[in-house]
Amino acid sequence: MKTQKITKEQLEKIQTQQGKLRDILTDIGVIEVRKHEALHAQATVSQEIEENKKELEKEYGAINVDMTTGEYTEIVKEEE
């Protein structure tokens, strides 16, 4: 069986395309790692917020806090 080759230009085109694909896949991997880290950080902060809410509720009862001024109003539950 005789060995045959594609043209140099065709080979270079394939190599360039494969290089671009490899770079894109690497970028996707990095983005996925960053996404995982961001989701973990978000879950941690959400947990901290919930813990802080519980602490505030123990001290002040059920309240709504104005995030700008720190003033709060009590949450009045409607009786059924």
Protein backbone atom coordinates (compact mmCIF):
# COMPACT_ATOMS: atom_id res chain seq x y z
CA MET A 1 0.00 0.00 0.00
CA LYS A 2 1.35 3.35 -1.07
CA THR A 3 1.47 6.17 1.50
CA GLN A 4 -0.17 9.35 0.29
CA LYS A 5 -0.31 12.82 1.80
CA ILE A 6 -2.67 15.74 1.77
CA THR A 7 -1.22 19.08 0.74
CA LYS A 8 0.86 21.12 3.15
CA GLU A 9 -1.82 23.83 3.17
CA GLN A 10 -4.55 21.30 3.99
CA LEU A 11 -2.46 19.86 6.82
CA GLU A 12 -1.77 23.35 8.21
CA LYS A 13 -5.48 24.17 8.05
CA ILE A 14 -6.38 20.99 9.96
CA GLN A 15 -3.65 21.65 12.53
CA THR A 16 -4.84 25.25 13.02
CA GLN A 17 -8.46 24.13 13.43
CA GLN A 18 -7.47 21.43 15.92
CA GLY A 19 -5.39 23.95 17.86
CA LYS A 20 -8.33 26.36 18.03
CA LEU A 21 -10.62 23.56 19.19
CA ARG A 22 -8.12 22.51 21.87
CA ASP A 23 -7.88 26.12 23.10
CA ILE A 24 -11.67 26.47 23.21
CA LEU A 25 -12.06 23.23 25.13
CA THR A 26 -9.39 24.37 27.59
CA ASP A 27 -11.24 27.67 28.05
CA ILE A 28 -14.49 25.78 28.66
CA GLY A 29 -12.76 23.69 31.30
CA VAL A 30 -11.44 26.79 33.06
CA ILE A 31 -14.89 28.40 32.92
CA GLU A 32 -16.49 25.27 34.39
CA VAL A 33 -14.00 25.27 37.26
CA ARG A 34 -14.72 28.95 37.92
CA LYS A 35 -18.45 28.24 37.73
CA HIS A 36 -18.09 25.45 40.29
CA GLU A 37 -16.11 27.74 42.59
CA ALA A 38 -18.68 30.53 42.20
CA LEU A 39 -21.58 28.17 42.96
CA HIS A 40 -19.77 26.91 46.05
CA ALA A 41 -19.11 30.49 47.20
CA GLN A 42 -22.76 31.40 46.59
CA ALA A 43 -23.94 28.43 48.65
CA THR A 44 -21.59 29.41 51.48
CA VAL A 45 -22.80 33.02 51.53
CA SER A 46 -26.44 31.91 51.36
CA GLN A 47 -25.85 29.66 54.38
CA GLU A 48 -24.21 32.55 56.25
CA ILE A 49 -27.18 34.79 55.43
CA GLU A 50 -29.63 32.23 56.77
CA GLU A 51 -27.61 31.86 59.97
CA ASN A 52 -27.52 35.64 60.40
CA LYS A 53 -31.29 35.84 59.84
CA LYS A 54 -31.81 33.30 62.62
CA GLU A 55 -29.59 35.29 64.98
CA LEU A 56 -31.47 38.51 64.21
CA GLU A 57 -34.81 36.78 64.64
CA LYS A 58 -33.75 35.47 68.07
CA GLU A 59 -32.83 39.00 69.14
CA TYR A 60 -35.55 41.07 67.44
CA GLY A 61 -38.26 38.60 66.43
CA ALA A 62 -39.64 38.46 62.90
CA ILE A 63 -38.55 41.68 61.17
CA ASN A 64 -37.92 43.29 57.79
CA VAL A 65 -34.67 45.25 57.67
CA ASP A 66 -34.09 48.30 55.47
CA MET A 67 -30.75 47.44 53.85
CA THR A 68 -29.84 51.12 53.47
CA THR A 69 -30.58 52.49 56.93
CA GLY A 70 -30.63 49.43 59.17
CA GLU A 71 -34.09 50.35 60.41
CA TYR A 72 -36.50 47.50 60.83
CA THR A 73 -40.18 46.88 61.06
CA GLU A 74 -41.86 43.97 62.73
CA ILE A 75 -43.55 41.39 60.55
CA VAL A 76 -47.16 41.13 61.60
CA LYS A 77 -48.69 37.78 60.82
CA GLU A 78 -52.27 37.87 59.70
CA GLU A 79 -54.57 35.68 61.75
CA GLU A 80 -56.63 33.23 59.76
